[in-house]
Amino acid sequence: MVEYELSESALLQLLAYALEGVEGVRLAGPRKVGEVLAGRRRAARVVRDEDGVRVELGLVASYGKPLPELGREVQRAVSEAFRATAGLKVKRVDVVFLEVEPADAP
């Protein structure tokens, strides 16, 4: 059996790649310093323990797609990417939509 370790940076990159396959959603952009200091949620966080990983996401959704459906699609994409690429069991993917933007926004 091959043993390896994934850095937090590698896990976050894997997460970003998984989200590229989901149309109508992106990670929330850089936050203002005041929001960070006030303890508001980061765009992405991966928490590991001996049983697997828990992923917390702050996302921006494009207007027009039902958010519950979009949230489930994100959860599936992230879980599958972590399982297939890194062999990690995903215990949960928590999705919080921080913003909704026009569908034609960058």
Protein backbone atom coordinates (compact mmCIF):
# COMPACT_ATOMS: atom_id res chain seq x y z
CA MET A 1 0.00 0.00 0.00
CA VAL A 2 1.29 3.45 -0.91
CA GLU A 3 1.11 6.06 1.80
CA TYR A 4 1.09 9.73 0.97
CA GLU A 5 0.07 13.06 2.41
CA LEU A 6 -1.80 15.89 0.69
CA SER A 7 -1.10 19.47 1.70
CA GLU A 8 -3.93 21.86 2.42
CA SER A 9 -2.97 23.71 -0.74
CA ALA A 10 -3.29 20.54 -2.84
CA LEU A 11 -6.71 19.80 -1.33
CA LEU A 12 -7.91 23.33 -2.08
CA GLN A 13 -6.65 23.07 -5.66
CA LEU A 14 -8.48 19.76 -6.06
CA LEU A 15 -11.59 21.47 -4.74
CA ALA A 16 -11.21 24.31 -7.24
CA TYR A 17 -10.85 21.84 -10.13
CA ALA A 18 -13.98 20.01 -9.00
CA LEU A 19 -15.95 23.27 -9.01
CA GLU A 20 -14.82 24.10 -12.56
CA GLY A 21 -17.11 21.30 -13.73
CA VAL A 22 -20.19 22.83 -12.12
CA GLU A 23 -21.81 25.51 -14.25
CA GLY A 24 -23.22 28.54 -12.46
CA VAL A 25 -21.08 28.54 -9.33
CA ARG A 26 -17.66 29.74 -8.22
CA LEU A 27 -15.76 30.16 -4.97
CA ALA A 28 -16.38 33.49 -3.32
CA GLY A 29 -13.57 35.93 -4.10
CA PRO A 30 -11.09 37.51 -1.73
CA ARG A 31 -12.76 38.87 1.35
CA LYS A 32 -12.21 42.26 2.92
CA VAL A 33 -9.85 42.40 5.87
CA GLY A 34 -12.68 43.53 8.16
CA GLU A 35 -14.74 40.48 7.30
CA VAL A 36 -11.82 38.16 8.00
CA LEU A 37 -11.07 39.84 11.33
CA ALA A 38 -14.75 39.65 12.28
CA GLY A 39 -14.56 35.87 11.88
CA ARG A 40 -16.71 35.54 8.79
CA ARG A 41 -16.51 32.37 6.74
CA ARG A 42 -13.61 31.74 4.34
CA ALA A 43 -14.39 30.76 0.76
CA ALA A 44 -13.17 27.19 1.29
CA ARG A 45 -12.00 25.02 4.14
CA VAL A 46 -11.09 21.35 4.26
CA VAL A 47 -11.03 19.70 7.70
CA ARG A 48 -9.36 16.29 7.94
CA ASP A 49 -9.57 13.65 10.63
CA GLU A 50 -9.03 9.90 10.79
CA ASP A 51 -12.47 9.15 9.32
CA GLY A 52 -12.25 11.39 6.24
CA VAL A 53 -12.73 15.02 5.32
CA ARG A 54 -15.35 17.69 5.80
CA VAL A 55 -15.51 20.48 3.23
CA GLU A 56 -16.96 23.93 3.88
CA LEU A 57 -17.62 26.17 0.89
CA GLY A 58 -18.62 29.82 0.51
CA LEU A 59 -19.89 30.20 -3.04
CA VAL A 60 -21.22 32.72 -5.51
CA ALA A 61 -24.11 31.43 -7.62
CA SER A 62 -25.29 32.68 -10.98
CA TYR A 63 -28.88 33.90 -10.93
CA GLY A 64 -31.41 31.60 -12.57
CA LYS A 65 -30.42 28.14 -11.41
CA PRO A 66 -32.29 26.72 -8.39
CA LEU A 67 -29.92 26.94 -5.42
CA PRO A 68 -30.88 23.59 -3.84
CA GLU A 69 -30.12 21.82 -7.13
CA LEU A 70 -26.86 23.75 -7.53
CA GLY A 71 -25.85 22.89 -3.96
CA ARG A 72 -26.43 19.17 -4.54
CA GLU A 73 -24.44 19.31 -7.79
CA VAL A 74 -21.53 20.95 -5.96
CA GLN A 75 -21.68 18.33 -3.20
CA ARG A 76 -21.59 15.48 -5.74
CA ALA A 77 -18.72 17.02 -7.75
CA VAL A 78 -16.57 17.68 -4.69
CA SER A 79 -17.22 14.27 -3.13
CA GLU A 80 -16.44 12.46 -6.38
CA ALA A 81 -13.25 14.46 -7.02
CA PHE A 82 -11.88 13.80 -3.54
CA ARG A 83 -12.77 10.11 -3.71
CA ALA A 84 -11.59 9.42 -7.26
CA THR A 85 -8.47 11.58 -7.26
CA ALA A 86 -7.22 11.33 -3.68
CA GLY A 87 -9.00 8.28 -2.30
CA LEU A 88 -10.49 10.38 0.49
CA LYS A 89 -13.83 9.67 2.12
CA VAL A 90 -15.90 12.86 2.21
CA LYS A 91 -18.11 12.91 5.29
CA ARG A 92 -19.92 16.08 4.30
CA VAL A 93 -19.80 19.09 2.02
CA ASP A 94 -21.37 22.18 3.57
CA VAL A 95 -22.39 24.74 0.96
CA VAL A 96 -23.19 28.35 1.82
CA PHE A 97 -24.20 30.70 -0.97
CA LEU A 98 -22.65 34.02 0.00
CA GLU A 99 -23.76 35.90 -3.10
CA VAL A 100 -25.96 35.58 -6.18
CA GLU A 101 -24.81 37.46 -9.27
CA PRO A 102 -26.23 38.05 -12.75
CA ALA A 103 -25.74 35.04 -15.01
CA ASP A 104 -23.50 37.03 -17.39
CA ALA A 105 -21.09 38.23 -14.66
CA PRO A 106 -17.41 37.15 -14.97
